[in-house]
């Protein structure tokens, strides 16, 4: 599609917890927020249509339907995805990019299934062996991006270098500036950490296209010391889930101790702003980098607001020209 202001996002309506109503509510929220957005809902056509019929006509006109009666289970693995995933709502959504009907895909389904289907149906950029998931974390300075978040649990030094290159392209488009890249480690000293992390540090430092800031520890991620953090999927997923749990614990404790009190009432406006800035829903959506197309993985249990944010992220990456930038970066390898 040539008009980058008008964006069509294919939404896997049966992805995640399979709540069609929640995914469609998120679609409506995203459409309300972006007048140049259209959504192609892939899922049970009659159910989607009955919900759309209740919307205002101008809004409903921007929700298209692609019928797909089956979805993949939340725990579907790569083998199952290849065996029966092509005709699922996830597979149909991915194929819409190849058919030219959509510019991007958003799914809350199985990470393993999404990765294997995206590789199979869309392919990867030259030189990219395994796609990686990159998402945002809140910091005292705004946002820090991190990859991998769980697509690749075990990697070598060369793969971490590849992740840094993928992340650098994307973050520079989203933030409109060259990101400082950090490598997650147990210490900041050059001799700290496993051999493969130290080797990855040498590879990233030697890459003149990357602005390397050295090793970072987990607490420094949230201090905003770097713009992009590179790690394996095992470490990244644990850090992400720990952060989400810590935020929920903090606000639950605040609610328990301040709820109904005068102090709580006086602090409510500032606490609401703090909650909004740290709310995981406002950072939901991980880009599957390395595949030929914009693919966003949403948290499987995301709220309506969280799924709407993931859809908005997909539109931002398309408008930023992510696919074109990736093609330009990796064309020489082909």
C-alpha atoms as a PDB file:
ATOM      1  CA  UNK A   1       0.000   0.000   0.000  1.00  0.00           C
ATOM      2  CA  UNK A   2       1.411   3.377  -1.013  1.00  0.00           C
ATOM      3  CA  UNK A   3      -0.521   5.843   1.155  1.00  0.00           C
ATOM      4  CA  UNK A   4       1.281   5.739   4.479  1.00  0.00           C
ATOM      5  CA  UNK A   5      -1.254   7.969   6.261  1.00  0.00           C
ATOM      6  CA  UNK A   6      -4.046   5.452   5.639  1.00  0.00           C
ATOM      7  CA  UNK A   7      -3.223   2.271   7.529  1.00  0.00           C
ATOM      8  CA  UNK A   8      -4.969  -1.105   7.625  1.00  0.00           C
ATOM      9  CA  UNK A   9      -4.129  -3.393  10.544  1.00  0.00           C
ATOM     10  CA  UNK A  10      -5.171  -7.054  10.450  1.00  0.00           C
ATOM     11  CA  UNK A  11      -6.332  -8.090  13.925  1.00  0.00           C
ATOM     12  CA  UNK A  12      -6.307 -11.712  15.099  1.00  0.00           C
ATOM     13  CA  UNK A  13      -9.657 -11.538  16.874  1.00  0.00           C
ATOM     14  CA  UNK A  14      -9.328 -15.047  18.347  1.00  0.00           C
ATOM     15  CA  UNK A  15      -5.808 -14.417  19.657  1.00  0.00           C
ATOM     16  CA  UNK A  16      -4.957 -14.167  23.341  1.00  0.00           C
ATOM     17  CA  UNK A  17      -7.645 -15.330  25.709  1.00  0.00           C
ATOM     18  CA  UNK A  18     -10.016 -15.692  22.761  1.00  0.00           C
ATOM     19  CA  UNK A  19     -12.335 -12.925  23.928  1.00  0.00           C
ATOM     20  CA  UNK A  20     -13.829 -11.652  20.704  1.00  0.00           C
ATOM     21  CA  UNK A  21     -15.737  -8.903  22.498  1.00  0.00           C
ATOM     22  CA  UNK A  22     -12.562  -7.567  24.187  1.00  0.00           C
ATOM     23  CA  UNK A  23     -10.572  -7.540  20.954  1.00  0.00           C
ATOM     24  CA  UNK A  24     -13.351  -5.759  19.102  1.00  0.00           C
ATOM     25  CA  UNK A  25     -13.732  -3.228  21.920  1.00  0.00           C
ATOM     26  CA  UNK A  26      -9.996  -2.556  21.540  1.00  0.00           C
ATOM     27  CA  UNK A  27     -10.435  -2.222  17.785  1.00  0.00           C
ATOM     28  CA  UNK A  28     -13.153   0.382  18.344  1.00  0.00           C
ATOM     29  CA  UNK A  29     -10.943   2.286  20.794  1.00  0.00           C
ATOM     30  CA  UNK A  30      -8.072   2.294  18.295  1.00  0.00           C
ATOM     31  CA  UNK A  31     -10.358   3.453  15.473  1.00  0.00           C
ATOM     32  CA  UNK A  32     -11.708   6.263  17.654  1.00  0.00           C
ATOM     33  CA  UNK A  33      -8.152   7.432  18.361  1.00  0.00           C
ATOM     34  CA  UNK A  34      -6.932   7.318  14.734  1.00  0.00           C
ATOM     35  CA  UNK A  35      -9.258   8.562  11.967  1.00  0.00           C
ATOM     36  CA  UNK A  36      -6.863   7.298   9.274  1.00  0.00           C
ATOM     37  CA  UNK A  37      -6.868   3.742  10.615  1.00  0.00           C
ATOM     38  CA  UNK A  38      -8.864   0.791   9.274  1.00  0.00           C
ATOM     39  CA  UNK A  39      -8.945  -2.652  10.884  1.00  0.00           C
ATOM     40  CA  UNK A  40      -9.382  -5.996   9.153  1.00  0.00           C
ATOM     41  CA  UNK A  41     -10.817  -8.281  11.816  1.00  0.00           C
ATOM     42  CA  UNK A  42      -9.869 -11.924  11.225  1.00  0.00           C
ATOM     43  CA  UNK A  43     -12.186 -14.267  13.088  1.00  0.00           C
ATOM     44  CA  UNK A  44     -15.771 -15.564  13.188  1.00  0.00           C
ATOM     45  CA  UNK A  45     -17.525 -13.369  10.649  1.00  0.00           C
ATOM     46  CA  UNK A  46     -21.064 -13.559  12.011  1.00  0.00           C
ATOM     47  CA  UNK A  47     -19.972 -12.730  15.560  1.00  0.00           C
ATOM     48  CA  UNK A  48     -17.807  -9.839  14.410  1.00  0.00           C
ATOM     49  CA  UNK A  49     -20.578  -8.551  12.185  1.00  0.00           C
ATOM     50  CA  UNK A  50     -23.167  -8.569  14.971  1.00  0.00           C
ATOM     51  CA  UNK A  51     -20.870  -6.439  17.151  1.00  0.00           C
ATOM     52  CA  UNK A  52     -20.057  -4.070  14.304  1.00  0.00           C
ATOM     53  CA  UNK A  53     -23.754  -3.567  13.558  1.00  0.00           C
ATOM     54  CA  UNK A  54     -24.100  -1.863  16.940  1.00  0.00           C
ATOM     55  CA  UNK A  55     -21.409   0.712  16.149  1.00  0.00           C
ATOM     56  CA  UNK A  56     -22.022   4.115  14.535  1.00  0.00           C
ATOM     57  CA  UNK A  57     -22.003   3.685  10.757  1.00  0.00           C
ATOM     58  CA  UNK A  58     -18.863   5.806  10.039  1.00  0.00           C
ATOM     59  CA  UNK A  59     -16.895   3.784  12.577  1.00  0.00           C
ATOM     60  CA  UNK A  60     -18.242   0.440  11.391  1.00  0.00           C
ATOM     61  CA  UNK A  61     -17.252   1.286   7.826  1.00  0.00           C
ATOM     62  CA  UNK A  62     -13.576   1.172   8.910  1.00  0.00           C
ATOM     63  CA  UNK A  63     -13.869  -2.328  10.380  1.00  0.00           C
ATOM     64  CA  UNK A  64     -13.590  -4.926   7.632  1.00  0.00           C
ATOM     65  CA  UNK A  65     -14.147  -8.637   8.221  1.00  0.00           C
ATOM     66  CA  UNK A  66     -12.149 -11.642   7.045  1.00  0.00           C
ATOM     67  CA  UNK A  67     -13.892 -14.816   8.105  1.00  0.00           C
ATOM     68  CA  UNK A  68     -11.777 -17.334  10.052  1.00  0.00           C
ATOM     69  CA  UNK A  69     -13.723 -19.698  12.253  1.00  0.00           C
ATOM     70  CA  UNK A  70     -10.854 -21.316  14.157  1.00  0.00           C
ATOM     71  CA  UNK A  71      -8.146 -19.938  16.407  1.00  0.00           C
ATOM     72  CA  UNK A  72      -4.926 -21.377  17.799  1.00  0.00           C
ATOM     73  CA  UNK A  73      -4.791 -22.243  21.477  1.00  0.00           C
ATOM     74  CA  UNK A  74      -2.802 -19.912  23.729  1.00  0.00           C
ATOM     75  CA  UNK A  75      -0.263 -22.696  24.327  1.00  0.00           C
ATOM     76  CA  UNK A  76      -0.020 -23.772  20.686  1.00  0.00           C
ATOM     77  CA  UNK A  77       3.548 -24.669  19.781  1.00  0.00           C
ATOM     78  CA  UNK A  78       5.437 -24.354  16.497  1.00  0.00           C
ATOM     79  CA  UNK A  79       4.525 -27.858  15.265  1.00  0.00           C
ATOM     80  CA  UNK A  80       0.805 -27.306  15.790  1.00  0.00           C
ATOM     81  CA  UNK A  81       1.037 -23.860  14.206  1.00  0.00           C
ATOM     82  CA  UNK A  82       2.573 -25.278  11.027  1.00  0.00           C
ATOM     83  CA  UNK A  83       0.107 -28.181  10.954  1.00  0.00           C
ATOM     84  CA  UNK A  84      -3.156 -26.276  11.367  1.00  0.00           C
ATOM     85  CA  UNK A  85      -2.285 -22.613  11.747  1.00  0.00           C
ATOM     86  CA  UNK A  86      -2.464 -21.415   8.141  1.00  0.00           C
ATOM     87  CA  UNK A  87      -6.264 -21.331   8.167  1.00  0.00           C
ATOM     88  CA  UNK A  88      -6.545 -20.026  11.733  1.00  0.00           C
ATOM     89  CA  UNK A  89      -7.376 -16.421  12.557  1.00  0.00           C
ATOM     90  CA  UNK A  90      -3.663 -15.809  13.187  1.00  0.00           C
ATOM     91  CA  UNK A  91      -2.578 -17.360   9.906  1.00  0.00           C
ATOM     92  CA  UNK A  92      -5.254 -15.514   7.938  1.00  0.00           C
ATOM     93  CA  UNK A  93      -4.208 -12.207   9.527  1.00  0.00           C
ATOM     94  CA  UNK A  94      -0.575 -12.767   8.521  1.00  0.00           C
ATOM     95  CA  UNK A  95      -1.547 -13.730   4.989  1.00  0.00           C
ATOM     96  CA  UNK A  96      -3.382 -10.414   4.594  1.00  0.00           C
ATOM     97  CA  UNK A  97       0.021  -8.681   4.487  1.00  0.00           C
ATOM     98  CA  UNK A  98       1.179 -10.934   1.668  1.00  0.00           C
ATOM     99  CA  UNK A  99      -2.093 -10.408  -0.196  1.00  0.00           C
ATOM    100  CA  UNK A 100      -1.715  -6.631   0.112  1.00  0.00           C
ATOM    101  CA  UNK A 101      -4.914  -6.230   2.128  1.00  0.00           C
ATOM    102  CA  UNK A 102      -3.181  -5.109   5.328  1.00  0.00           C
ATOM    103  CA  UNK A 103      -0.069  -3.190   6.327  1.00  0.00           C
ATOM    104  CA  UNK A 104       0.454  -4.854   9.711  1.00  0.00           C
ATOM    105  CA  UNK A 105      -0.769  -7.643  11.993  1.00  0.00           C
ATOM    106  CA  UNK A 106      -1.612  -7.625  15.705  1.00  0.00           C
ATOM    107  CA  UNK A 107      -2.151 -10.856  17.659  1.00  0.00           C
ATOM    108  CA  UNK A 108      -2.338 -11.823  21.306  1.00  0.00           C
ATOM    109  CA  UNK A 109      -1.887 -15.506  20.485  1.00  0.00           C
ATOM    110  CA  UNK A 110       0.937 -17.925  21.240  1.00  0.00           C
ATOM    111  CA  UNK A 111       4.389 -16.390  20.817  1.00  0.00           C
ATOM    112  CA  UNK A 112       5.849 -19.586  19.379  1.00  0.00           C
ATOM    113  CA  UNK A 113       2.991 -19.986  16.922  1.00  0.00           C
ATOM    114  CA  UNK A 114       3.180 -16.361  15.815  1.00  0.00           C
ATOM    115  CA  UNK A 115       6.916 -16.546  15.234  1.00  0.00           C
ATOM    116  CA  UNK A 116       6.845 -19.766  13.220  1.00  0.00           C
ATOM    117  CA  UNK A 117       3.829 -18.705  11.138  1.00  0.00           C
ATOM    118  CA  UNK A 118       5.291 -15.268  10.462  1.00  0.00           C
ATOM    119  CA  UNK A 119       8.570 -16.832   9.329  1.00  0.00           C
ATOM    120  CA  UNK A 120       6.717 -19.358   7.174  1.00  0.00           C
ATOM    121  CA  UNK A 121       4.170 -16.993   5.600  1.00  0.00           C
ATOM    122  CA  UNK A 122       6.143 -13.741   5.408  1.00  0.00           C
ATOM    123  CA  UNK A 123       9.781 -14.833   5.460  1.00  0.00           C
ATOM    124  CA  UNK A 124      12.686 -13.021   7.127  1.00  0.00           C
ATOM    125  CA  UNK A 125      15.062 -10.326   5.979  1.00  0.00           C
ATOM    126  CA  UNK A 126      18.365 -11.521   4.494  1.00  0.00           C
ATOM    127  CA  UNK A 127      20.835 -12.459   7.197  1.00  0.00           C
ATOM    128  CA  UNK A 128      18.202 -12.666   9.925  1.00  0.00           C
ATOM    129  CA  UNK A 129      18.051 -16.193  11.263  1.00  0.00           C
ATOM    130  CA  UNK A 130      15.545 -15.804  14.100  1.00  0.00           C
ATOM    131  CA  UNK A 131      13.098 -12.940  14.697  1.00  0.00           C
ATOM    132  CA  UNK A 132      13.036 -11.293  18.123  1.00  0.00           C
ATOM    133  CA  UNK A 133      10.326  -9.599  20.187  1.00  0.00           C
ATOM    134  CA  UNK A 134      10.941  -6.007  21.226  1.00  0.00           C
ATOM    135  CA  UNK A 135       8.763  -4.075  23.657  1.00  0.00           C
ATOM    136  CA  UNK A 136       8.802  -0.910  25.758  1.00  0.00           C
ATOM    137  CA  UNK A 137       9.456  -0.452  29.461  1.00  0.00           C
ATOM    138  CA  UNK A 138       8.741   2.723  31.467  1.00  0.00           C
ATOM    139  CA  UNK A 139      11.762   4.517  32.918  1.00  0.00           C
ATOM    140  CA  UNK A 140      12.405   7.710  34.869  1.00  0.00           C
ATOM    141  CA  UNK A 141      13.376   9.311  31.543  1.00  0.00           C
ATOM    142  CA  UNK A 142      10.449   8.037  29.501  1.00  0.00           C
ATOM    143  CA  UNK A 143      10.732   4.738  27.618  1.00  0.00           C
ATOM    144  CA  UNK A 144      13.379   2.081  27.188  1.00  0.00           C
ATOM    145  CA  UNK A 145      13.027  -0.613  24.530  1.00  0.00           C
ATOM    146  CA  UNK A 146      14.170  -4.178  25.135  1.00  0.00           C
ATOM    147  CA  UNK A 147      14.643  -7.313  23.073  1.00  0.00           C
ATOM    148  CA  UNK A 148      14.336 -10.258  23.087  1.00  0.00           C
ATOM    149  CA  UNK A 149      11.242 -10.677  25.270  1.00  0.00           C
ATOM    150  CA  UNK A 150      10.740 -14.409  24.873  1.00  0.00           C
ATOM    151  CA  UNK A 151      10.896 -15.514  21.255  1.00  0.00           C
ATOM    152  CA  UNK A 152      14.428 -16.941  21.646  1.00  0.00           C
ATOM    153  CA  UNK A 153      15.221 -18.356  25.075  1.00  0.00           C
ATOM    154  CA  UNK A 154      18.815 -19.345  24.306  1.00  0.00           C
ATOM    155  CA  UNK A 155      21.056 -17.415  21.908  1.00  0.00           C
ATOM    156  CA  UNK A 156      24.732 -16.965  21.075  1.00  0.00           C
ATOM    157  CA  UNK A 157      26.804 -13.782  20.860  1.00  0.00           C
ATOM    158  CA  UNK A 158      26.219 -13.355  17.135  1.00  0.00           C
ATOM    159  CA  UNK A 159      22.463 -13.467  17.677  1.00  0.00           C
ATOM    160  CA  UNK A 160      22.627 -10.793  20.389  1.00  0.00           C
ATOM    161  CA  UNK A 161      24.539  -8.592  17.943  1.00  0.00           C
ATOM    162  CA  UNK A 162      21.803  -9.229  15.378  1.00  0.00           C
ATOM    163  CA  UNK A 163      19.157  -8.219  17.937  1.00  0.00           C
ATOM    164  CA  UNK A 164      21.017  -4.964  18.547  1.00  0.00           C
ATOM    165  CA  UNK A 165      20.943  -4.162  14.827  1.00  0.00           C
ATOM    166  CA  UNK A 166      17.232  -4.972  14.539  1.00  0.00           C
ATOM    167  CA  UNK A 167      16.372  -2.939  17.623  1.00  0.00           C
ATOM    168  CA  UNK A 168      18.481   0.039  16.603  1.00  0.00           C
ATOM    169  CA  UNK A 169      16.598   0.437  13.305  1.00  0.00           C
ATOM    170  CA  UNK A 170      13.199   0.281  14.993  1.00  0.00           C
ATOM    171  CA  UNK A 171      13.946   2.525  17.974  1.00  0.00           C
ATOM    172  CA  UNK A 172      15.544   5.184  15.776  1.00  0.00           C
ATOM    173  CA  UNK A 173      12.301   5.313  13.759  1.00  0.00           C
ATOM    174  CA  UNK A 174      10.012   5.413  16.812  1.00  0.00           C
ATOM    175  CA  UNK A 175      12.111   7.863  18.847  1.00  0.00           C
ATOM    176  CA  UNK A 176      13.475   9.797  15.845  1.00  0.00           C
ATOM    177  CA  UNK A 177      17.009   9.706  17.251  1.00  0.00           C
ATOM    178  CA  UNK A 178      19.930   7.291  17.426  1.00  0.00           C
ATOM    179  CA  UNK A 179      19.479   5.036  20.480  1.00  0.00           C
ATOM    180  CA  UNK A 180      22.149   4.212  23.037  1.00  0.00           C
ATOM    181  CA  UNK A 181      22.395   0.406  23.121  1.00  0.00           C
ATOM    182  CA  UNK A 182      23.047  -1.510  26.340  1.00  0.00           C
ATOM    183  CA  UNK A 183      23.664  -5.214  26.908  1.00  0.00           C
ATOM    184  CA  UNK A 184      21.936  -6.743  29.955  1.00  0.00           C
ATOM    185  CA  UNK A 185      24.435  -8.267  32.364  1.00  0.00           C
ATOM    186  CA  UNK A 186      25.033  -8.974  36.062  1.00  0.00           C
ATOM    187  CA  UNK A 187      27.493  -6.087  36.310  1.00  0.00           C
ATOM    188  CA  UNK A 188      28.837  -3.159  34.327  1.00  0.00           C
ATOM    189  CA  UNK A 189      32.522  -4.038  34.517  1.00  0.00           C
ATOM    190  CA  UNK A 190      34.082  -5.409  31.266  1.00  0.00           C
ATOM    191  CA  UNK A 191      35.012  -8.731  32.871  1.00  0.00           C
ATOM    192  CA  UNK A 192      31.556  -9.488  34.319  1.00  0.00           C
ATOM    193  CA  UNK A 193      29.033 -12.003  33.014  1.00  0.00           C
ATOM    194  CA  UNK A 194      29.010 -15.149  30.862  1.00  0.00           C
ATOM    195  CA  UNK A 195      31.467 -15.582  28.020  1.00  0.00           C
ATOM    196  CA  UNK A 196      28.770 -15.194  25.356  1.00  0.00           C
ATOM    197  CA  UNK A 197      27.589 -11.855  26.810  1.00  0.00           C
ATOM    198  CA  UNK A 198      31.149 -10.512  26.908  1.00  0.00           C
ATOM    199  CA  UNK A 199      31.686 -11.671  23.313  1.00  0.00           C
ATOM    200  CA  UNK A 200      28.398 -10.011  22.275  1.00  0.00           C
ATOM    201  CA  UNK A 201      29.627  -6.817  23.900  1.00  0.00           C
ATOM    202  CA  UNK A 202      32.769  -6.911  21.765  1.00  0.00           C
ATOM    203  CA  UNK A 203      30.741  -7.469  18.586  1.00  0.00           C
ATOM    204  CA  UNK A 204      28.304  -4.651  19.342  1.00  0.00           C
ATOM    205  CA  UNK A 205      31.099  -2.275  20.361  1.00  0.00           C
ATOM    206  CA  UNK A 206      32.947  -2.954  17.097  1.00  0.00           C
ATOM    207  CA  UNK A 207      29.831  -2.208  14.982  1.00  0.00           C
ATOM    208  CA  UNK A 208      30.165   1.411  13.868  1.00  0.00           C
ATOM    209  CA  UNK A 209      26.429   1.624  13.138  1.00  0.00           C
ATOM    210  CA  UNK A 210      25.620   1.085  16.821  1.00  0.00           C
ATOM    211  CA  UNK A 211      25.955   3.593  19.653  1.00  0.00           C
ATOM    212  CA  UNK A 212      27.071   1.150  22.345  1.00  0.00           C
ATOM    213  CA  UNK A 213      26.693   2.187  25.988  1.00  0.00           C
ATOM    214  CA  UNK A 214      28.144  -0.954  27.560  1.00  0.00           C
ATOM    215  CA  UNK A 215      26.720  -3.448  30.039  1.00  0.00           C
ATOM    216  CA  UNK A 216      23.648  -2.493  32.077  1.00  0.00           C
ATOM    217  CA  UNK A 217      22.175  -4.110  35.172  1.00  0.00           C
ATOM    218  CA  UNK A 218      18.451  -4.653  35.589  1.00  0.00           C
ATOM    219  CA  UNK A 219      17.890  -1.683  37.913  1.00  0.00           C
ATOM    220  CA  UNK A 220      19.708   0.607  35.454  1.00  0.00           C
ATOM    221  CA  UNK A 221      17.173  -0.284  32.777  1.00  0.00           C
ATOM    222  CA  UNK A 222      14.440   1.537  34.729  1.00  0.00           C
ATOM    223  CA  UNK A 223      16.795   4.418  35.503  1.00  0.00           C
ATOM    224  CA  UNK A 224      16.853   5.117  31.754  1.00  0.00           C
ATOM    225  CA  UNK A 225      20.618   4.695  31.374  1.00  0.00           C
ATOM    226  CA  UNK A 226      20.187   3.459  27.782  1.00  0.00           C
ATOM    227  CA  UNK A 227      17.472   3.596  25.115  1.00  0.00           C
ATOM    228  CA  UNK A 228      17.683  -0.027  23.958  1.00  0.00           C
ATOM    229  CA  UNK A 229      18.518  -3.110  26.028  1.00  0.00           C
ATOM    230  CA  UNK A 230      19.631  -6.345  24.357  1.00  0.00           C
ATOM    231  CA  UNK A 231      19.341  -9.749  26.053  1.00  0.00           C
ATOM    232  CA  UNK A 232      18.223 -13.329  25.459  1.00  0.00           C
ATOM    233  CA  UNK A 233      14.504 -14.120  25.562  1.00  0.00           C
ATOM    234  CA  UNK A 234      14.725 -15.954  28.883  1.00  0.00           C
ATOM    235  CA  UNK A 235      16.189 -12.963  30.731  1.00  0.00           C
ATOM    236  CA  UNK A 236      14.023 -10.443  28.894  1.00  0.00           C
ATOM    237  CA  UNK A 237      10.765 -12.219  29.632  1.00  0.00           C
ATOM    238  CA  UNK A 238      11.603 -12.570  33.328  1.00  0.00           C
ATOM    239  CA  UNK A 239      12.560  -8.887  33.601  1.00  0.00           C
ATOM    240  CA  UNK A 240       9.370  -7.807  31.827  1.00  0.00           C
ATOM    241  CA  UNK A 241       7.045  -9.960  33.953  1.00  0.00           C
ATOM    242  CA  UNK A 242       8.853  -8.922  37.144  1.00  0.00           C
ATOM    243  CA  UNK A 243       8.390  -5.267  36.274  1.00  0.00           C
ATOM    244  CA  UNK A 244       4.683  -5.752  35.585  1.00  0.00           C
ATOM    245  CA  UNK A 245       4.237  -7.587  38.890  1.00  0.00           C
ATOM    246  CA  UNK A 246       6.119  -4.908  40.824  1.00  0.00           C
ATOM    247  CA  UNK A 247       3.930  -2.158  39.364  1.00  0.00           C
ATOM    248  CA  UNK A 248       0.756  -4.032  40.310  1.00  0.00           C
ATOM    249  CA  UNK A 249       2.068  -4.669  43.827  1.00  0.00           C
ATOM    250  CA  UNK A 250       2.952  -1.009  44.308  1.00  0.00           C
ATOM    251  CA  UNK A 251      -0.486   0.259  43.327  1.00  0.00           C
ATOM    252  CA  UNK A 252      -2.315  -2.446  45.273  1.00  0.00           C
ATOM    253  CA  UNK A 253      -0.379  -1.407  48.389  1.00  0.00           C
ATOM    254  CA  UNK A 254      -1.082   2.268  47.763  1.00  0.00           C
ATOM    255  CA  UNK A 255      -4.770   1.535  47.363  1.00  0.00           C
ATOM    256  CA  UNK A 256      -4.833  -0.519  50.561  1.00  0.00           C
ATOM    257  CA  UNK A 257      -3.035   2.099  52.674  1.00  0.00           C
ATOM    258  CA  UNK A 258      -4.413   5.324  51.187  1.00  0.00           C
ATOM    259  CA  UNK A 259      -7.878   4.337  50.010  1.00  0.00           C
ATOM    260  CA  UNK A 260     -10.596   6.366  51.720  1.00  0.00           C
ATOM    261  CA  UNK A 261      -8.131   8.593  53.608  1.00  0.00           C
ATOM    262  CA  UNK A 262      -7.729  12.348  53.287  1.00  0.00           C
ATOM    263  CA  UNK A 263      -4.152  11.897  52.129  1.00  0.00           C
ATOM    264  CA  UNK A 264      -5.338   9.495  49.456  1.00  0.00           C
ATOM    265  CA  UNK A 265      -8.003  11.964  48.289  1.00  0.00           C
ATOM    266  CA  UNK A 266      -5.500  14.844  48.111  1.00  0.00           C
ATOM    267  CA  UNK A 267      -2.920  12.724  46.286  1.00  0.00           C
ATOM    268  CA  UNK A 268      -5.422  11.170  43.867  1.00  0.00           C
ATOM    269  CA  UNK A 269      -4.627  13.386  40.820  1.00  0.00           C
ATOM    270  CA  UNK A 270      -0.876  12.775  41.101  1.00  0.00           C
ATOM    271  CA  UNK A 271      -1.347   9.081  41.793  1.00  0.00           C
ATOM    272  CA  UNK A 272      -3.576   8.795  38.744  1.00  0.00           C
ATOM    273  CA  UNK A 273      -0.897  10.381  36.566  1.00  0.00           C
ATOM    274  CA  UNK A 274       1.692   8.045  38.057  1.00  0.00           C
ATOM    275  CA  UNK A 275      -0.540   5.039  37.455  1.00  0.00           C
ATOM    276  CA  UNK A 276      -1.128   6.082  33.865  1.00  0.00           C
ATOM    277  CA  UNK A 277       2.597   6.470  33.187  1.00  0.00           C
ATOM    278  CA  UNK A 278       3.446   3.041  34.625  1.00  0.00           C
ATOM    279  CA  UNK A 279       0.347   1.126  33.528  1.00  0.00           C
ATOM    280  CA  UNK A 280       1.501  -1.979  31.566  1.00  0.00           C
ATOM    281  CA  UNK A 281      -1.425  -1.405  29.170  1.00  0.00           C
ATOM    282  CA  UNK A 282       0.267   1.783  27.971  1.00  0.00           C
ATOM    283  CA  UNK A 283       3.344  -0.209  27.003  1.00  0.00           C
ATOM    284  CA  UNK A 284       1.627  -3.321  25.626  1.00  0.00           C
ATOM    285  CA  UNK A 285       2.748  -4.602  22.266  1.00  0.00           C
ATOM    286  CA  UNK A 286       6.031  -6.223  21.224  1.00  0.00           C
ATOM    287  CA  UNK A 287       7.267  -5.928  17.659  1.00  0.00           C
ATOM    288  CA  UNK A 288       8.373  -9.195  16.037  1.00  0.00           C
ATOM    289  CA  UNK A 289      11.511  -7.897  14.358  1.00  0.00           C
ATOM    290  CA  UNK A 290      13.215  -9.670  11.480  1.00  0.00           C
ATOM    291  CA  UNK A 291      10.156 -10.834   9.528  1.00  0.00           C
ATOM    292  CA  UNK A 292       9.116  -9.165   6.281  1.00  0.00           C
ATOM    293  CA  UNK A 293       6.293  -7.062   7.613  1.00  0.00           C
ATOM    294  CA  UNK A 294       5.068  -5.273  10.715  1.00  0.00           C
ATOM    295  CA  UNK A 295       3.888  -7.879  13.237  1.00  0.00           C
ATOM    296  CA  UNK A 296       2.945  -6.934  16.804  1.00  0.00           C
ATOM    297  CA  UNK A 297       2.562  -9.475  19.606  1.00  0.00           C
ATOM    298  CA  UNK A 298       0.138  -8.359  22.309  1.00  0.00           C
ATOM    299  CA  UNK A 299       0.112  -9.774  25.825  1.00  0.00           C
ATOM    300  CA  UNK A 300      -2.367 -12.662  25.822  1.00  0.00           C
ATOM    301  CA  UNK A 301      -4.261 -11.290  28.812  1.00  0.00           C
ATOM    302  CA  UNK A 302      -4.128  -7.635  27.760  1.00  0.00           C
ATOM    303  CA  UNK A 303      -6.948  -5.282  28.686  1.00  0.00           C
ATOM    304  CA  UNK A 304      -8.978  -3.411  26.095  1.00  0.00           C
ATOM    305  CA  UNK A 305      -6.677  -0.398  26.482  1.00  0.00           C
ATOM    306  CA  UNK A 306      -3.608  -2.625  26.179  1.00  0.00           C
ATOM    307  CA  UNK A 307      -4.780  -4.216  22.941  1.00  0.00           C
ATOM    308  CA  UNK A 308      -5.722  -0.808  21.554  1.00  0.00           C
ATOM    309  CA  UNK A 309      -2.187   0.386  22.339  1.00  0.00           C
ATOM    310  CA  UNK A 310      -0.733  -2.594  20.442  1.00  0.00           C
ATOM    311  CA  UNK A 311      -2.851  -1.687  17.399  1.00  0.00           C
ATOM    312  CA  UNK A 312      -1.645   1.912  17.636  1.00  0.00           C
ATOM    313  CA  UNK A 313       1.967   0.725  17.830  1.00  0.00           C
ATOM    314  CA  UNK A 314       1.475  -1.263  14.615  1.00  0.00           C
ATOM    315  CA  UNK A 315       0.205   1.857  12.857  1.00  0.00           C
ATOM    316  CA  UNK A 316       3.174   3.899  14.146  1.00  0.00           C
ATOM    317  CA  UNK A 317       5.674   1.377  12.826  1.00  0.00           C
ATOM    318  CA  UNK A 318       4.026   1.300   9.402  1.00  0.00           C
ATOM    319  CA  UNK A 319       3.919   5.088   9.180  1.00  0.00           C
ATOM    320  CA  UNK A 320       7.538   5.246  10.305  1.00  0.00           C
ATOM    321  CA  UNK A 321       8.555   3.070   7.366  1.00  0.00           C
ATOM    322  CA  UNK A 322       9.904   0.175   9.422  1.00  0.00           C
ATOM    323  CA  UNK A 323       9.705  -2.430   6.645  1.00  0.00           C
ATOM    324  CA  UNK A 324      11.429  -0.122   4.160  1.00  0.00           C
ATOM    325  CA  UNK A 325      14.187   0.632   6.672  1.00  0.00           C
ATOM    326  CA  UNK A 326      14.721  -3.061   7.367  1.00  0.00           C
ATOM    327  CA  UNK A 327      14.874  -3.836   3.653  1.00  0.00           C
ATOM    328  CA  UNK A 328      17.430  -1.084   3.088  1.00  0.00           C
ATOM    329  CA  UNK A 329      19.548  -2.261   6.032  1.00  0.00           C
ATOM    330  CA  UNK A 330      19.637  -5.910   5.050  1.00  0.00           C
ATOM    331  CA  UNK A 331      19.469  -5.658   1.249  1.00  0.00           C
ATOM    332  CA  UNK A 332      23.253  -5.887   0.925  1.00  0.00           C
ATOM    333  CA  UNK A 333      23.198  -9.290   2.616  1.00  0.00           C
ATOM    334  CA  UNK A 334      20.793 -10.758   0.055  1.00  0.00           C
END
